[in-house]
Amino acid sequence: MFAEFIKNVDFGNKAELYKIDTPFIQEPRWEGDERIETEYLISSTASIFGVETLVFPATEKGEVINFGDIGGRKGLADPATAIEEMGYVIK
């Protein structure tokens, strides 16, 4: 699986938009949720309660589709590493 860095995103912190080669698909988690299918992810680093980087499904324009994180972890301060830890090779 490959991910390509597209651009930095104005998210109020360090955030990066990536295009992935295989669409991310997420079936509804809770009642009222819709199915998500996208080729874009935002990886965002914040340090509100200690540093963490989280990954969210996104649109081509760099807008978050759903704020239910799909990757990342506490203690990580690098958006690219969060994408790589999801199994993507950044090209």
C-alpha atoms as a PDB file:
ATOM      1  CA  MET A   1       0.000   0.000   0.000  1.00  0.00           C
ATOM      2  CA  PHE A   2       1.268   3.440  -0.913  1.00  0.00           C
ATOM      3  CA  ALA A   3       0.525   6.973   0.292  1.00  0.00           C
ATOM      4  CA  GLU A   4       1.546  10.191  -1.414  1.00  0.00           C
ATOM      5  CA  PHE A   5       1.991  13.449   0.498  1.00  0.00           C
ATOM      6  CA  ILE A   6      -0.288  16.067  -1.101  1.00  0.00           C
ATOM      7  CA  LYS A   7      -0.026  19.177   1.079  1.00  0.00           C
ATOM      8  CA  ASN A   8       0.046  20.640   4.554  1.00  0.00           C
ATOM      9  CA  VAL A   9      -3.436  21.342   5.888  1.00  0.00           C
ATOM     10  CA  ASP A  10      -4.462  24.314   8.028  1.00  0.00           C
ATOM     11  CA  PHE A  11      -5.807  22.414  10.991  1.00  0.00           C
ATOM     12  CA  GLY A  12      -4.567  24.666  13.797  1.00  0.00           C
ATOM     13  CA  ASN A  13      -1.622  22.312  14.271  1.00  0.00           C
ATOM     14  CA  LYS A  14       0.730  20.224  12.132  1.00  0.00           C
ATOM     15  CA  ALA A  15      -1.460  18.298   9.709  1.00  0.00           C
ATOM     16  CA  GLU A  16      -0.759  16.651   6.369  1.00  0.00           C
ATOM     17  CA  LEU A  17      -3.023  15.381   3.592  1.00  0.00           C
ATOM     18  CA  TYR A  18      -2.146  12.092   1.879  1.00  0.00           C
ATOM     19  CA  LYS A  19      -3.611  10.309  -1.117  1.00  0.00           C
ATOM     20  CA  ILE A  20      -3.661   6.518  -0.743  1.00  0.00           C
ATOM     21  CA  ASP A  21      -3.561   4.010  -3.580  1.00  0.00           C
ATOM     22  CA  THR A  22      -6.366   1.808  -2.252  1.00  0.00           C
ATOM     23  CA  PRO A  23      -9.577   3.459  -1.046  1.00  0.00           C
ATOM     24  CA  PHE A  24     -10.163   3.476   2.693  1.00  0.00           C
ATOM     25  CA  ILE A  25     -13.581   2.005   3.413  1.00  0.00           C
ATOM     26  CA  GLN A  26     -15.316   2.133   6.767  1.00  0.00           C
ATOM     27  CA  GLU A  27     -18.724   0.669   7.343  1.00  0.00           C
ATOM     28  CA  PRO A  28     -21.000   2.561   9.757  1.00  0.00           C
ATOM     29  CA  ARG A  29     -19.842   2.254  13.373  1.00  0.00           C
ATOM     30  CA  TRP A  30     -22.984   3.523  15.061  1.00  0.00           C
ATOM     31  CA  GLU A  31     -26.615   3.994  14.159  1.00  0.00           C
ATOM     32  CA  GLY A  32     -26.947   7.069  11.970  1.00  0.00           C
ATOM     33  CA  ASP A  33     -23.385   6.836  10.600  1.00  0.00           C
ATOM     34  CA  GLU A  34     -22.825   6.590   6.877  1.00  0.00           C
ATOM     35  CA  ARG A  35     -20.391   4.386   5.009  1.00  0.00           C
ATOM     36  CA  ILE A  36     -17.086   6.156   4.321  1.00  0.00           C
ATOM     37  CA  GLU A  37     -15.053   5.538   1.183  1.00  0.00           C
ATOM     38  CA  THR A  38     -12.136   7.836   0.370  1.00  0.00           C
ATOM     39  CA  GLU A  39      -8.669   7.919  -1.143  1.00  0.00           C
ATOM     40  CA  TYR A  40      -7.490  10.668   1.215  1.00  0.00           C
ATOM     41  CA  LEU A  41      -6.293  10.757   4.819  1.00  0.00           C
ATOM     42  CA  ILE A  42      -5.307  13.604   7.135  1.00  0.00           C
ATOM     43  CA  SER A  43      -2.644  12.917   9.717  1.00  0.00           C
ATOM     44  CA  SER A  44      -2.689  15.548  12.454  1.00  0.00           C
ATOM     45  CA  THR A  45      -0.378  16.138  15.414  1.00  0.00           C
ATOM     46  CA  ALA A  46      -1.597  17.949  18.522  1.00  0.00           C
ATOM     47  CA  SER A  47      -0.277  18.514  22.020  1.00  0.00           C
ATOM     48  CA  ILE A  48      -3.319  19.502  24.052  1.00  0.00           C
ATOM     49  CA  PHE A  49      -3.093  16.666  26.608  1.00  0.00           C
ATOM     50  CA  GLY A  50       0.388  15.471  25.665  1.00  0.00           C
ATOM     51  CA  VAL A  51       1.582  14.923  22.125  1.00  0.00           C
ATOM     52  CA  GLU A  52      -0.375  12.603  19.858  1.00  0.00           C
ATOM     53  CA  THR A  53      -0.916  12.129  16.154  1.00  0.00           C
ATOM     54  CA  LEU A  54      -4.240  10.910  14.803  1.00  0.00           C
ATOM     55  CA  VAL A  55      -5.359   9.945  11.303  1.00  0.00           C
ATOM     56  CA  PHE A  56      -8.794  10.773   9.888  1.00  0.00           C
ATOM     57  CA  PRO A  57     -10.585  10.007   6.607  1.00  0.00           C
ATOM     58  CA  ALA A  58     -10.609  13.130   4.434  1.00  0.00           C
ATOM     59  CA  THR A  59     -11.770  14.685   1.189  1.00  0.00           C
ATOM     60  CA  GLU A  60      -9.570  15.649  -1.736  1.00  0.00           C
ATOM     61  CA  LYS A  61      -9.729  19.257  -0.484  1.00  0.00           C
ATOM     62  CA  GLY A  62      -8.322  18.293   2.915  1.00  0.00           C
ATOM     63  CA  GLU A  63     -11.546  18.365   4.905  1.00  0.00           C
ATOM     64  CA  VAL A  64     -12.118  15.720   7.576  1.00  0.00           C
ATOM     65  CA  ILE A  65     -15.049  13.430   6.726  1.00  0.00           C
ATOM     66  CA  ASN A  66     -15.394  11.964  10.210  1.00  0.00           C
ATOM     67  CA  PHE A  67     -13.485  12.799  13.403  1.00  0.00           C
ATOM     68  CA  GLY A  68     -13.482   9.163  14.535  1.00  0.00           C
ATOM     69  CA  ASP A  69      -9.747   8.523  14.264  1.00  0.00           C
ATOM     70  CA  ILE A  70      -8.629   5.513  12.218  1.00  0.00           C
ATOM     71  CA  GLY A  71      -4.950   5.493  13.129  1.00  0.00           C
ATOM     72  CA  GLY A  72      -2.193   7.182  15.088  1.00  0.00           C
ATOM     73  CA  ARG A  73      -1.306   7.109  18.754  1.00  0.00           C
ATOM     74  CA  LYS A  74      -0.262   9.062  21.839  1.00  0.00           C
ATOM     75  CA  GLY A  75       3.399   9.959  22.127  1.00  0.00           C
ATOM     76  CA  LEU A  76       3.839  10.314  18.370  1.00  0.00           C
ATOM     77  CA  ALA A  77       4.683  13.759  16.962  1.00  0.00           C
ATOM     78  CA  ASP A  78       5.076  12.998  13.262  1.00  0.00           C
ATOM     79  CA  PRO A  79       2.177  12.806  10.791  1.00  0.00           C
ATOM     80  CA  ALA A  80       4.160  10.755   8.253  1.00  0.00           C
ATOM     81  CA  THR A  81       5.056   8.102  10.827  1.00  0.00           C
ATOM     82  CA  ALA A  82       1.367   7.652  11.725  1.00  0.00           C
ATOM     83  CA  ILE A  83       0.616   6.952   8.050  1.00  0.00           C
ATOM     84  CA  GLU A  84       3.515   4.487   7.845  1.00  0.00           C
ATOM     85  CA  GLU A  85       2.343   2.708  11.012  1.00  0.00           C
ATOM     86  CA  MET A  86      -0.970   2.068   9.236  1.00  0.00           C
ATOM     87  CA  GLY A  87       1.003   0.006   6.707  1.00  0.00           C
ATOM     88  CA  TYR A  88       1.522   2.599   3.971  1.00  0.00           C
ATOM     89  CA  VAL A  89       4.810   3.299   2.208  1.00  0.00           C
ATOM     90  CA  ILE A  90       5.133   7.016   1.514  1.00  0.00           C
ATOM     91  CA  LYS A  91       6.320   7.745  -2.009  1.00  0.00           C
END
